[in-house]
Amino acid sequence: RYLSFIRGVVDSDDLPLNVNRETLQESKIIQVVKKKLVRKAIEMIRKFSQEEGKPAEVAEAEIDADGNVEEKEQESVPPPYNAWYKKFGQSIKMGIIDDEP
């Protein structure tokens, strides 16, 4: 429920063709698929959080009137995970409560 912002399609040969509410609630195959999808999604989020932001541009050196080299400071771009977390962090926090045994 807390990963509802993730959209996709699951194709499996093990899923029954006739799907109704009872099948969704009782099928062990569906439960296994749900469990694996949650693990995969959390692993993808974990990898995404470990990526670093790329530098904005390569720093260039300039020479002033006296012939001295002046280096510009590189502006660092925050990791993309920070922006993503601001948007979806509340849902992830709800998952901590939902997943507790």
C-alpha atoms as a PDB file:
ATOM      1  CA  ARG A   1       0.000   0.000   0.000  1.00  0.00           C
ATOM      2  CA  TYR A   2       2.793   2.441   0.848  1.00  0.00           C
ATOM      3  CA  LEU A   3       4.545   1.739  -2.476  1.00  0.00           C
ATOM      4  CA  SER A   4       1.445   2.766  -4.406  1.00  0.00           C
ATOM      5  CA  PHE A   5       3.418   5.436  -6.281  1.00  0.00           C
ATOM      6  CA  ILE A   6       5.233   2.642  -8.163  1.00  0.00           C
ATOM      7  CA  ARG A   7       3.395   1.566 -11.295  1.00  0.00           C
ATOM      8  CA  GLY A   8       4.083  -1.416 -13.494  1.00  0.00           C
ATOM      9  CA  VAL A   9       2.878  -4.645 -14.999  1.00  0.00           C
ATOM     10  CA  VAL A  10       3.698  -8.108 -13.714  1.00  0.00           C
ATOM     11  CA  ASP A  11       3.694 -10.995 -16.143  1.00  0.00           C
ATOM     12  CA  SER A  12       3.967 -14.477 -14.728  1.00  0.00           C
ATOM     13  CA  ASP A  13       3.164 -17.914 -16.053  1.00  0.00           C
ATOM     14  CA  ASP A  14       2.137 -18.971 -12.537  1.00  0.00           C
ATOM     15  CA  LEU A  15      -0.765 -16.519 -12.238  1.00  0.00           C
ATOM     16  CA  PRO A  16      -4.234 -17.921 -12.843  1.00  0.00           C
ATOM     17  CA  LEU A  17      -6.160 -16.603 -15.843  1.00  0.00           C
ATOM     18  CA  ASN A  18      -9.397 -16.096 -13.925  1.00  0.00           C
ATOM     19  CA  VAL A  19      -8.737 -13.497 -11.267  1.00  0.00           C
ATOM     20  CA  ASN A  20     -11.415 -12.494  -8.805  1.00  0.00           C
ATOM     21  CA  ARG A  21     -11.328 -11.047  -5.305  1.00  0.00           C
ATOM     22  CA  GLU A  22     -11.270 -14.457  -3.646  1.00  0.00           C
ATOM     23  CA  THR A  23      -8.344 -15.588  -5.774  1.00  0.00           C
ATOM     24  CA  LEU A  24      -6.393 -12.436  -4.949  1.00  0.00           C
ATOM     25  CA  GLN A  25      -6.945 -12.879  -1.232  1.00  0.00           C
ATOM     26  CA  GLU A  26      -6.219 -16.598  -0.999  1.00  0.00           C
ATOM     27  CA  SER A  27      -3.646 -17.321  -3.694  1.00  0.00           C
ATOM     28  CA  LYS A  28      -0.197 -18.139  -2.306  1.00  0.00           C
ATOM     29  CA  ILE A  29       1.338 -17.312  -5.672  1.00  0.00           C
ATOM     30  CA  ILE A  30      -0.029 -13.759  -5.445  1.00  0.00           C
ATOM     31  CA  GLN A  31       1.390 -13.393  -1.932  1.00  0.00           C
ATOM     32  CA  VAL A  32       4.828 -14.560  -3.094  1.00  0.00           C
ATOM     33  CA  VAL A  33       4.746 -12.170  -6.059  1.00  0.00           C
ATOM     34  CA  LYS A  34       3.773  -9.259  -3.767  1.00  0.00           C
ATOM     35  CA  LYS A  35       6.582 -10.082  -1.362  1.00  0.00           C
ATOM     36  CA  LYS A  36       9.185 -10.275  -4.133  1.00  0.00           C
ATOM     37  CA  LEU A  37       7.956  -7.033  -5.735  1.00  0.00           C
ATOM     38  CA  VAL A  38       8.245  -5.181  -2.429  1.00  0.00           C
ATOM     39  CA  ARG A  39      11.779  -6.513  -1.910  1.00  0.00           C
ATOM     40  CA  LYS A  40      12.780  -5.540  -5.438  1.00  0.00           C
ATOM     41  CA  ALA A  41      11.309  -2.040  -5.070  1.00  0.00           C
ATOM     42  CA  ILE A  42      13.076  -1.462  -1.750  1.00  0.00           C
ATOM     43  CA  GLU A  43      16.364  -2.700  -3.219  1.00  0.00           C
ATOM     44  CA  MET A  44      15.981  -0.305  -6.176  1.00  0.00           C
ATOM     45  CA  ILE A  45      15.302   2.584  -3.777  1.00  0.00           C
ATOM     46  CA  ARG A  46      18.353   1.602  -1.711  1.00  0.00           C
ATOM     47  CA  LYS A  47      20.600   1.631  -4.808  1.00  0.00           C
ATOM     48  CA  PHE A  48      19.112   4.942  -5.929  1.00  0.00           C
ATOM     49  CA  SER A  49      19.841   6.473  -2.519  1.00  0.00           C
ATOM     50  CA  GLN A  50      23.513   5.496  -2.776  1.00  0.00           C
ATOM     51  CA  GLU A  51      24.050   7.251  -6.114  1.00  0.00           C
ATOM     52  CA  GLU A  52      25.894  10.521  -5.861  1.00  0.00           C
ATOM     53  CA  GLY A  53      24.955  13.751  -7.568  1.00  0.00           C
ATOM     54  CA  LYS A  54      26.918  14.628 -10.673  1.00  0.00           C
ATOM     55  CA  PRO A  55      28.923  17.843 -10.705  1.00  0.00           C
ATOM     56  CA  ALA A  56      27.218  20.677 -12.574  1.00  0.00           C
ATOM     57  CA  GLU A  57      30.127  21.396 -14.901  1.00  0.00           C
ATOM     58  CA  VAL A  58      33.807  20.721 -15.090  1.00  0.00           C
ATOM     59  CA  ALA A  59      35.702  23.459 -13.305  1.00  0.00           C
ATOM     60  CA  GLU A  60      37.672  25.702 -15.595  1.00  0.00           C
ATOM     61  CA  ALA A  61      40.848  27.516 -14.675  1.00  0.00           C
ATOM     62  CA  GLU A  62      41.302  31.157 -15.646  1.00  0.00           C
ATOM     63  CA  ILE A  63      44.446  33.191 -15.879  1.00  0.00           C
ATOM     64  CA  ASP A  64      44.334  36.675 -14.369  1.00  0.00           C
ATOM     65  CA  ALA A  65      46.240  39.764 -15.568  1.00  0.00           C
ATOM     66  CA  ASP A  66      49.335  38.813 -13.547  1.00  0.00           C
ATOM     67  CA  GLY A  67      49.504  35.337 -15.094  1.00  0.00           C
ATOM     68  CA  ASN A  68      48.279  33.526 -11.979  1.00  0.00           C
ATOM     69  CA  VAL A  69      45.899  30.600 -12.348  1.00  0.00           C
ATOM     70  CA  GLU A  70      42.524  31.085 -10.694  1.00  0.00           C
ATOM     71  CA  GLU A  71      40.311  28.061 -10.281  1.00  0.00           C
ATOM     72  CA  LYS A  72      36.586  28.428  -9.989  1.00  0.00           C
ATOM     73  CA  GLU A  73      34.835  26.442  -7.302  1.00  0.00           C
ATOM     74  CA  GLN A  74      32.707  23.622  -8.608  1.00  0.00           C
ATOM     75  CA  GLU A  75      29.053  23.801  -7.806  1.00  0.00           C
ATOM     76  CA  SER A  76      27.828  20.483  -6.552  1.00  0.00           C
ATOM     77  CA  VAL A  77      24.422  19.208  -7.502  1.00  0.00           C
ATOM     78  CA  PRO A  78      22.547  17.468  -4.688  1.00  0.00           C
ATOM     79  CA  PRO A  79      21.934  13.764  -5.237  1.00  0.00           C
ATOM     80  CA  PRO A  80      18.694  13.058  -7.119  1.00  0.00           C
ATOM     81  CA  TYR A  81      17.561  10.926  -4.181  1.00  0.00           C
ATOM     82  CA  ASN A  82      17.048  14.059  -2.051  1.00  0.00           C
ATOM     83  CA  ALA A  83      14.445  15.474  -4.436  1.00  0.00           C
ATOM     84  CA  TRP A  84      12.817  12.071  -4.785  1.00  0.00           C
ATOM     85  CA  TYR A  85      12.667  11.633  -1.009  1.00  0.00           C
ATOM     86  CA  LYS A  86      11.015  15.032  -0.547  1.00  0.00           C
ATOM     87  CA  LYS A  87       8.292  13.885  -2.905  1.00  0.00           C
ATOM     88  CA  PHE A  88       7.744  10.293  -1.717  1.00  0.00           C
ATOM     89  CA  GLY A  89       9.309  10.203   1.768  1.00  0.00           C
ATOM     90  CA  GLN A  90       5.958  10.348   3.538  1.00  0.00           C
ATOM     91  CA  SER A  91       4.827   7.146   1.796  1.00  0.00           C
ATOM     92  CA  ILE A  92       8.051   5.374   2.728  1.00  0.00           C
ATOM     93  CA  LYS A  93       7.638   6.414   6.370  1.00  0.00           C
ATOM     94  CA  MET A  94       4.138   4.900   6.351  1.00  0.00           C
ATOM     95  CA  GLY A  95       5.696   1.643   5.145  1.00  0.00           C
ATOM     96  CA  ILE A  96       7.660   1.329   8.365  1.00  0.00           C
ATOM     97  CA  ILE A  97       4.374   1.172  10.254  1.00  0.00           C
ATOM     98  CA  ASP A  98       2.678  -1.127   7.721  1.00  0.00           C
ATOM     99  CA  ASP A  99       5.514  -3.664   7.573  1.00  0.00           C
ATOM    100  CA  GLU A 100       5.909  -4.142  11.302  1.00  0.00           C
ATOM    101  CA  PRO A 101       5.017  -7.681  12.352  1.00  0.00           C
END
